[in-house]
Amino acid sequence: MLVKPKKIFFLEINFTIFYLLFYIPVIITFANHYHKSFDVVVNQLLLLLGFLIIFLLPKVRLFKPVLLKFRLLDFKYYLLSITLVIVYLYFKFRETYSIVSFEQVYEQRFSTQNNSLLDGYLILWMTYLLGPFIIVKGLVRKNKYWVLFGFFSVIFIYGINANKISLFIPMFMILIFYLKKWGKDILTSCTFLFSILITSLFWLSDYISTIASVVLMRTFGIAGLLTYQYNEFFSSNAKTFFTQINIINFLSGNSYPYPRALGYMVGADYSTNENYNANANFIATDGIASLGAVGIIIISIIVGLYFAFVRSQVTMKNQLIVGLMYVPFCFIVLNVSFFTSLLSGGFCFLNMYFFLKEANG
């Protein structure tokens, strides 16, 4: 039995995170950085329209639900596989592995930036898919050992690449689970808690400078700043027409117009550090970089259609698992391209899993 639109848990989660960590910061940044009222209104309206498209499209039944019954391997083999991945990653990065302070995150990332393609994928999958999946299974099955193991699996990655989000994802997933369990409204509750957190951090920033520079700016404010920077950069430089996506670049005869990845090109315009990679959200990288203002609408339609597809896989039995698994999706897609998120974040495999897994929650 499919869930009613008002009770689509994964959409509620996506809306909440997108609204608090993307929409509000971008709207505020546009208001502060653009000096002409016309520029402010036009850019904010485009973002609003894109935001509405993303979350209204899934309300329309666009895909027929398909759930195949297929017996997968016992979960203990999954746990064993994750253990082997952790052991492999630890031995691979044992010389540089370190739990560093927030002031040292960039030095730690630099020390591990020359990892192989396989290592890069394993790190991302562990952060956004494999570790979170163990946490979700543990929460749903009320198995505290699975929760702890999944929690450790994600936190473990911080010692490799010092990605702050790996510290935040497990805690936020557990918070969302209990808010749902207690029957609380996700958006209202998270907005209240988020307001308290930001106010407290803002007050503490007067005493601890790291909080202002690393937590407030680079964690909560960066989405707005990067979207503005991409908007400015591509208003006067060549659009990519989606050629930043490898397959499209190949099919178009390697027509990508820049010598380096998008993040480095934009970063070079705003920083003297040539190694600064200004990775940004899907609106900036897939929308603005590809087609400018029109691209915001195009990528919003694509993401909205993807959410409509995911909705077709949601049932009353699996909605909790689907919803919680899209917490890490929100965090990766707000930092990189949507298309990168599907593969590098592993969410194409998650969708495949829901096709193959018997929907028994």
Protein backbone atom coordinates (compact mmCIF):
# COMPACT_ATOMS: atom_id res chain seq x y z
CA MET A 1 0.00 0.00 0.00
CA LEU A 2 1.44 3.34 -1.05
CA VAL A 3 1.52 6.28 1.32
CA LYS A 4 -0.63 9.36 0.86
CA PRO A 5 1.15 12.54 -0.33
CA LYS A 6 0.77 14.24 3.03
CA LYS A 7 2.61 11.38 4.70
CA ILE A 8 5.60 10.98 2.40
CA PHE A 9 8.29 10.93 5.06
CA PHE A 10 11.31 11.20 2.76
CA LEU A 11 9.90 14.34 1.12
CA GLU A 12 9.31 15.89 4.52
CA ILE A 13 12.96 15.26 5.41
CA ASN A 14 14.28 16.57 2.09
CA PHE A 15 12.13 19.68 2.32
CA THR A 16 13.30 20.40 5.87
CA ILE A 17 17.02 20.06 5.15
CA PHE A 18 16.86 21.86 1.81
CA TYR A 19 14.89 24.69 3.40
CA LEU A 20 17.14 25.20 6.43
CA LEU A 21 20.57 24.51 4.95
CA PHE A 22 20.10 25.68 1.38
CA TYR A 23 17.08 27.86 0.63
CA ILE A 24 17.35 30.24 3.60
CA PRO A 25 21.16 30.76 3.34
CA VAL A 26 20.91 31.45 -0.41
CA ILE A 27 17.98 33.85 -0.06
CA ILE A 28 19.82 35.78 2.67
CA THR A 29 23.08 35.85 0.68
CA PHE A 30 21.34 37.16 -2.44
CA ALA A 31 19.70 39.89 -0.38
CA ASN A 32 23.04 40.94 1.14
CA HIS A 33 25.28 40.71 -1.93
CA TYR A 34 23.11 42.12 -4.71
CA HIS A 35 22.75 45.87 -4.42
CA LYS A 36 19.94 46.36 -6.94
CA SER A 37 16.46 45.38 -5.82
CA PHE A 38 15.73 43.98 -9.29
CA ASP A 39 18.67 41.54 -9.07
CA VAL A 40 17.63 40.44 -5.60
CA VAL A 41 14.00 39.81 -6.59
CA VAL A 42 14.78 38.02 -9.87
CA ASN A 43 17.34 35.67 -8.33
CA GLN A 44 15.19 34.94 -5.30
CA LEU A 45 12.11 34.27 -7.45
CA LEU A 46 14.06 31.84 -9.65
CA LEU A 47 15.22 29.98 -6.57
CA LEU A 48 11.69 29.94 -5.14
CA LEU A 49 10.29 28.59 -8.40
CA GLY A 50 12.92 25.86 -8.52
CA PHE A 51 12.25 24.96 -4.89
CA LEU A 52 8.52 24.66 -5.56
CA ILE A 53 9.10 22.48 -8.64
CA ILE A 54 11.32 20.08 -6.70
CA PHE A 55 8.68 19.41 -4.07
CA LEU A 56 5.47 19.75 -6.08
CA LEU A 57 6.42 17.36 -8.89
CA PRO A 58 6.54 14.31 -6.57
CA LYS A 59 2.94 15.05 -5.54
CA VAL A 60 1.86 14.00 -9.05
CA ARG A 61 1.79 10.27 -9.73
CA LEU A 62 4.33 10.07 -12.57
CA PHE A 63 5.75 6.58 -12.12
CA LYS A 64 4.00 3.30 -11.56
CA PRO A 65 5.38 1.59 -8.43
CA VAL A 66 7.51 -1.45 -9.11
CA LEU A 67 8.71 -3.59 -6.22
CA LEU A 68 10.33 -6.89 -7.11
CA LYS A 69 10.51 -9.70 -4.59
CA PHE A 70 14.06 -10.92 -4.43
CA ARG A 71 15.84 -12.56 -1.54
CA LEU A 72 19.08 -10.74 -0.76
CA LEU A 73 21.99 -11.99 1.31
CA ASP A 74 21.58 -12.12 5.07
CA PHE A 75 22.38 -8.83 6.80
CA LYS A 76 25.33 -10.39 8.65
CA TYR A 77 27.19 -10.67 5.33
CA TYR A 78 26.57 -6.96 4.78
CA LEU A 79 28.06 -6.22 8.22
CA LEU A 80 31.06 -8.40 7.41
CA SER A 81 31.59 -6.56 4.13
CA ILE A 82 31.53 -3.18 5.89
CA THR A 83 34.04 -4.44 8.44
CA LEU A 84 36.40 -5.49 5.65
CA VAL A 85 36.04 -2.07 3.99
CA ILE A 86 36.89 -0.33 7.28
CA VAL A 87 39.95 -2.55 7.78
CA TYR A 88 41.08 -1.91 4.20
CA LEU A 89 40.66 1.87 4.48
CA TYR A 90 42.45 2.00 7.81
CA PHE A 91 45.49 0.12 6.52
CA LYS A 92 45.48 2.17 3.32
CA PHE A 93 45.46 5.49 5.21
CA ARG A 94 47.10 4.40 8.47
CA GLU A 95 50.05 6.78 8.02
CA THR A 96 47.84 9.86 7.65
CA TYR A 97 44.81 8.75 9.69
CA SER A 98 44.09 11.32 12.40
CA ILE A 99 41.10 12.76 14.26
CA VAL A 100 41.90 16.45 13.87
CA SER A 101 40.33 19.65 15.17
CA PHE A 102 38.20 21.81 12.89
CA GLU A 103 41.15 24.20 12.43
CA GLN A 104 43.18 21.37 10.85
CA VAL A 105 40.59 19.85 8.52
CA TYR A 106 42.07 21.31 5.34
CA GLU A 107 45.58 20.09 6.16
CA GLN A 108 44.16 16.62 6.77
CA ARG A 109 42.23 16.65 3.50
CA PHE A 110 45.34 17.74 1.61
CA SER A 111 47.33 14.83 3.06
CA THR A 112 44.85 12.29 1.64
CA GLN A 113 43.83 13.96 -1.62
CA ASN A 114 45.86 11.63 -3.86
CA ASN A 115 43.77 8.55 -3.10
CA SER A 116 42.77 6.12 -5.85
CA LEU A 117 39.39 6.16 -7.61
CA LEU A 118 38.33 3.03 -5.70
CA ASP A 119 39.34 4.55 -2.36
CA GLY A 120 37.43 7.71 -3.18
CA TYR A 121 34.26 5.79 -3.92
CA LEU A 122 34.59 3.62 -0.81
CA ILE A 123 35.02 6.71 1.39
CA LEU A 124 31.95 8.40 -0.09
CA TRP A 125 29.81 5.25 0.00
CA MET A 126 30.78 4.61 3.60
CA THR A 127 29.84 8.17 4.57
CA TYR A 128 26.56 8.53 2.71
CA LEU A 129 25.25 5.01 2.08
CA LEU A 130 26.85 1.99 3.76
CA GLY A 131 27.32 3.34 7.29
CA PRO A 132 23.96 5.17 7.37
CA PHE A 133 22.18 2.03 6.15
CA ILE A 134 23.46 0.09 9.18
CA ILE A 135 22.27 2.89 11.47
CA VAL A 136 18.81 2.82 9.87
CA LYS A 137 18.51 -0.96 10.09
CA GLY A 138 19.56 -0.81 13.72
CA LEU A 139 17.03 1.91 14.57
CA VAL A 140 14.17 0.15 12.77
CA ARG A 141 15.02 -3.28 14.19
CA LYS A 142 15.82 -1.82 17.64
CA ASN A 143 19.32 -3.26 17.58
CA LYS A 144 21.64 -0.89 19.45
CA TYR A 145 24.75 -2.79 18.34
CA TRP A 146 23.95 -2.17 14.69
CA VAL A 147 23.32 1.51 15.47
CA LEU A 148 26.67 1.82 17.25
CA PHE A 149 28.51 -0.04 14.50
CA GLY A 150 26.93 2.14 11.81
CA PHE A 151 27.68 5.26 13.84
CA PHE A 152 31.32 4.22 14.17
CA SER A 153 31.51 3.37 10.44
CA VAL A 154 30.58 6.92 9.44
CA ILE A 155 32.60 8.68 12.17
CA PHE A 156 35.61 6.55 11.19
CA ILE A 157 35.76 8.32 7.83
CA TYR A 158 36.41 11.66 9.54
CA GLY A 159 39.89 10.43 10.44
CA ILE A 160 40.65 9.94 6.75
CA ASN A 161 39.34 13.06 5.01
CA ALA A 162 38.24 15.29 7.92
CA ASN A 163 34.82 15.73 6.33
CA LYS A 164 32.81 17.48 9.05
CA ILE A 165 29.55 16.20 7.63
CA SER A 166 30.52 12.64 8.62
CA LEU A 167 30.26 13.77 12.26
CA PHE A 168 26.86 15.33 11.74
CA ILE A 169 25.00 12.77 9.59
CA PRO A 170 24.67 9.95 12.18
CA MET A 171 23.44 12.30 14.91
CA PHE A 172 20.94 13.97 12.61
CA MET A 173 19.58 10.61 11.42
CA ILE A 174 19.03 9.49 15.00
CA LEU A 175 17.38 12.83 15.84
CA ILE A 176 14.99 12.49 12.89
CA PHE A 177 14.16 8.91 13.89
CA TYR A 178 13.10 9.93 17.38
CA LEU A 179 11.19 12.99 16.20
CA LYS A 180 9.23 10.66 13.92
CA LYS A 181 8.80 8.11 16.71
CA TRP A 182 7.45 10.77 19.07
CA GLY A 183 5.03 12.04 16.43
CA LYS A 184 6.65 15.47 16.11
CA ASP A 185 6.47 17.60 12.97
CA ILE A 186 9.91 17.35 11.34
CA LEU A 187 10.03 20.85 9.85
CA THR A 188 8.73 22.62 12.96
CA SER A 189 10.97 20.68 15.34
CA CYS A 190 14.12 21.06 13.23
CA THR A 191 13.48 24.76 12.66
CA PHE A 192 13.15 25.28 16.41
CA LEU A 193 16.31 23.31 17.19
CA PHE A 194 18.20 24.91 14.31
CA SER A 195 17.29 28.39 15.54
CA ILE A 196 18.57 27.60 19.03
CA LEU A 197 21.78 26.12 17.59
CA ILE A 198 22.52 29.07 15.31
CA THR A 199 21.74 31.60 18.05
CA SER A 200 24.01 29.78 20.50
CA LEU A 201 26.85 29.47 17.99
CA PHE A 202 26.51 33.12 17.02
CA TRP A 203 26.82 34.11 20.68
CA LEU A 204 29.79 31.78 21.23
CA SER A 205 31.55 33.08 18.11
CA ASP A 206 32.42 36.25 20.05
CA TYR A 207 34.53 34.10 22.36
CA ILE A 208 35.69 31.31 20.04
CA SER A 209 36.72 32.48 16.57
CA THR A 210 36.72 28.93 15.17
CA ILE A 211 32.96 28.73 15.61
CA ALA A 212 32.45 31.79 13.44
CA SER A 213 34.85 30.79 10.65
CA VAL A 214 34.47 27.01 10.53
CA VAL A 215 31.02 26.19 11.88
CA LEU A 216 28.83 29.20 11.11
CA MET A 217 30.40 30.22 7.79
CA ARG A 218 31.80 27.03 6.29
CA THR A 219 29.04 24.74 7.51
CA PHE A 220 25.82 26.77 7.58
CA GLY A 221 26.60 29.79 5.42
CA ILE A 222 28.66 28.28 2.61
CA ALA A 223 25.67 27.16 0.49
CA GLY A 224 24.53 30.74 0.06
CA LEU A 225 27.99 32.13 -0.66
CA LEU A 226 28.91 29.46 -3.22
CA THR A 227 25.59 29.77 -5.05
CA TYR A 228 26.15 33.52 -5.32
CA GLN A 229 29.74 33.00 -6.54
CA TYR A 230 28.65 30.50 -9.21
CA ASN A 231 25.89 32.89 -10.27
CA GLU A 232 28.40 35.70 -10.71
CA PHE A 233 31.11 33.58 -12.36
CA PHE A 234 28.83 32.08 -15.00
CA SER A 235 27.09 35.35 -15.74
CA SER A 236 30.30 36.45 -17.48
CA ASN A 237 31.96 33.13 -18.40
CA ALA A 238 31.08 30.24 -20.68
CA LYS A 239 28.24 27.94 -19.66
CA THR A 240 29.03 24.22 -19.62
CA PHE A 241 25.76 22.85 -21.03
CA PHE A 242 26.13 19.85 -18.70
CA THR A 243 29.52 18.89 -20.18
CA GLN A 244 30.93 18.76 -16.64
CA ILE A 245 29.19 15.36 -16.59
CA ASN A 246 31.71 12.89 -18.03
CA ILE A 247 29.33 10.95 -20.27
CA ILE A 248 27.87 14.13 -21.80
CA ASN A 249 31.35 15.56 -22.30
CA PHE A 250 32.37 12.35 -24.08
CA LEU A 251 29.28 12.31 -26.31
CA SER A 252 29.78 15.98 -27.18
CA GLY A 253 33.36 15.44 -28.29
CA ASN A 254 35.04 16.70 -25.11
CA SER A 255 33.47 20.15 -25.39
CA TYR A 256 33.83 21.04 -21.70
CA PRO A 257 35.07 24.66 -21.91
CA TYR A 258 37.46 24.77 -18.94
CA PRO A 259 40.88 23.22 -18.19
CA ARG A 260 39.92 22.23 -14.63
CA ALA A 261 36.85 21.07 -12.72
CA LEU A 262 34.13 23.64 -11.95
CA GLY A 263 35.06 23.98 -8.29
CA TYR A 264 38.64 24.94 -9.09
CA MET A 265 37.60 27.40 -11.81
CA VAL A 266 35.17 29.24 -9.55
CA GLY A 267 37.54 28.96 -6.59
CA ALA A 268 40.37 30.58 -8.54
CA ASP A 269 38.17 33.63 -9.10
CA TYR A 270 37.64 34.16 -5.38
CA SER A 271 40.81 32.78 -3.80
CA THR A 272 44.56 33.10 -4.29
CA ASN A 273 44.92 29.41 -3.42
CA GLU A 274 45.05 27.54 -6.74
CA ASN A 275 44.11 24.29 -4.97
CA TYR A 276 40.90 25.74 -3.53
CA ASN A 277 38.01 23.61 -4.77
CA ALA A 278 34.71 25.50 -4.47
CA ASN A 279 32.45 22.45 -4.59
CA ALA A 280 28.85 23.60 -4.55
CA ASN A 281 25.27 22.34 -4.49
CA PHE A 282 23.31 20.90 -7.40
CA ILE A 283 21.59 24.21 -8.20
CA ALA A 284 24.98 25.87 -8.67
CA THR A 285 26.91 23.06 -10.38
CA ASP A 286 24.16 21.47 -12.48
CA GLY A 287 21.87 24.45 -12.96
CA ILE A 288 23.70 27.78 -13.00
CA ALA A 289 26.97 26.42 -14.41
CA SER A 290 25.20 24.55 -17.20
CA LEU A 291 22.57 27.01 -18.42
CA GLY A 292 22.58 30.04 -16.16
CA ALA A 293 19.23 31.18 -14.77
CA VAL A 294 17.30 28.74 -16.98
CA GLY A 295 19.43 25.94 -15.57
CA ILE A 296 17.94 26.48 -12.12
CA ILE A 297 14.53 25.49 -13.50
CA ILE A 298 15.90 22.60 -15.60
CA ILE A 299 17.80 20.93 -12.76
CA SER A 300 14.86 21.50 -10.41
CA ILE A 301 12.64 19.58 -12.84
CA ILE A 302 15.20 16.76 -13.02
CA VAL A 303 15.49 16.51 -9.22
CA GLY A 304 11.71 16.75 -8.87
CA LEU A 305 11.29 13.86 -11.32
CA TYR A 306 13.85 11.85 -9.37
CA PHE A 307 11.93 12.46 -6.15
CA ALA A 308 8.75 11.37 -7.97
CA PHE A 309 10.55 8.17 -8.95
CA VAL A 310 11.68 7.57 -5.36
CA ARG A 311 8.13 8.19 -4.20
CA SER A 312 7.00 5.31 -6.43
CA GLN A 313 9.19 3.02 -4.30
CA VAL A 314 7.77 4.20 -0.97
CA THR A 315 5.21 2.06 0.84
CA MET A 316 3.70 2.18 4.30
CA LYS A 317 6.14 -0.54 5.33
CA ASN A 318 9.40 0.91 4.04
CA GLN A 319 8.73 4.66 4.37
CA LEU A 320 10.79 4.98 7.57
CA ILE A 321 13.84 3.34 6.00
CA VAL A 322 13.54 5.37 2.79
CA GLY A 323 13.06 8.60 4.72
CA LEU A 324 16.04 8.14 7.01
CA MET A 325 18.29 7.07 4.13
CA TYR A 326 17.57 10.35 2.37
CA VAL A 327 19.08 12.34 5.22
CA PRO A 328 22.63 11.71 3.90
CA PHE A 329 21.37 12.26 0.35
CA CYS A 330 20.41 15.81 1.28
CA PHE A 331 23.86 16.51 2.65
CA ILE A 332 25.76 15.22 -0.36
CA VAL A 333 23.53 16.86 -2.99
CA LEU A 334 23.89 20.19 -1.18
CA ASN A 335 27.66 19.92 -1.64
CA VAL A 336 28.12 18.38 -5.09
CA SER A 337 26.32 17.78 -8.38
CA PHE A 338 23.05 15.84 -8.34
CA PHE A 339 24.46 13.40 -10.89
CA THR A 340 27.59 12.92 -8.78
CA SER A 341 25.39 12.21 -5.77
CA LEU A 342 23.64 9.33 -7.53
CA LEU A 343 26.88 7.47 -8.21
CA SER A 344 29.48 8.80 -5.79
CA GLY A 345 26.93 8.95 -2.99
CA GLY A 346 25.64 5.51 -3.97
CA PHE A 347 21.99 6.47 -4.20
CA CYS A 348 21.50 4.79 -7.56
CA PHE A 349 22.39 1.58 -5.70
CA LEU A 350 19.91 2.43 -2.96
CA ASN A 351 17.15 2.77 -5.55
CA MET A 352 18.24 -0.54 -7.04
CA TYR A 353 18.05 -2.08 -3.58
CA PHE A 354 14.42 -1.01 -3.18
CA PHE A 355 13.64 -2.61 -6.52
CA LEU A 356 15.17 -5.91 -5.44
CA LYS A 357 14.23 -5.94 -1.77
CA GLU A 358 10.89 -7.31 -0.72
CA ALA A 359 9.12 -4.33 0.85
CA ASN A 360 8.87 -5.56 4.40
CA GLY A 361 10.25 -2.47 6.20
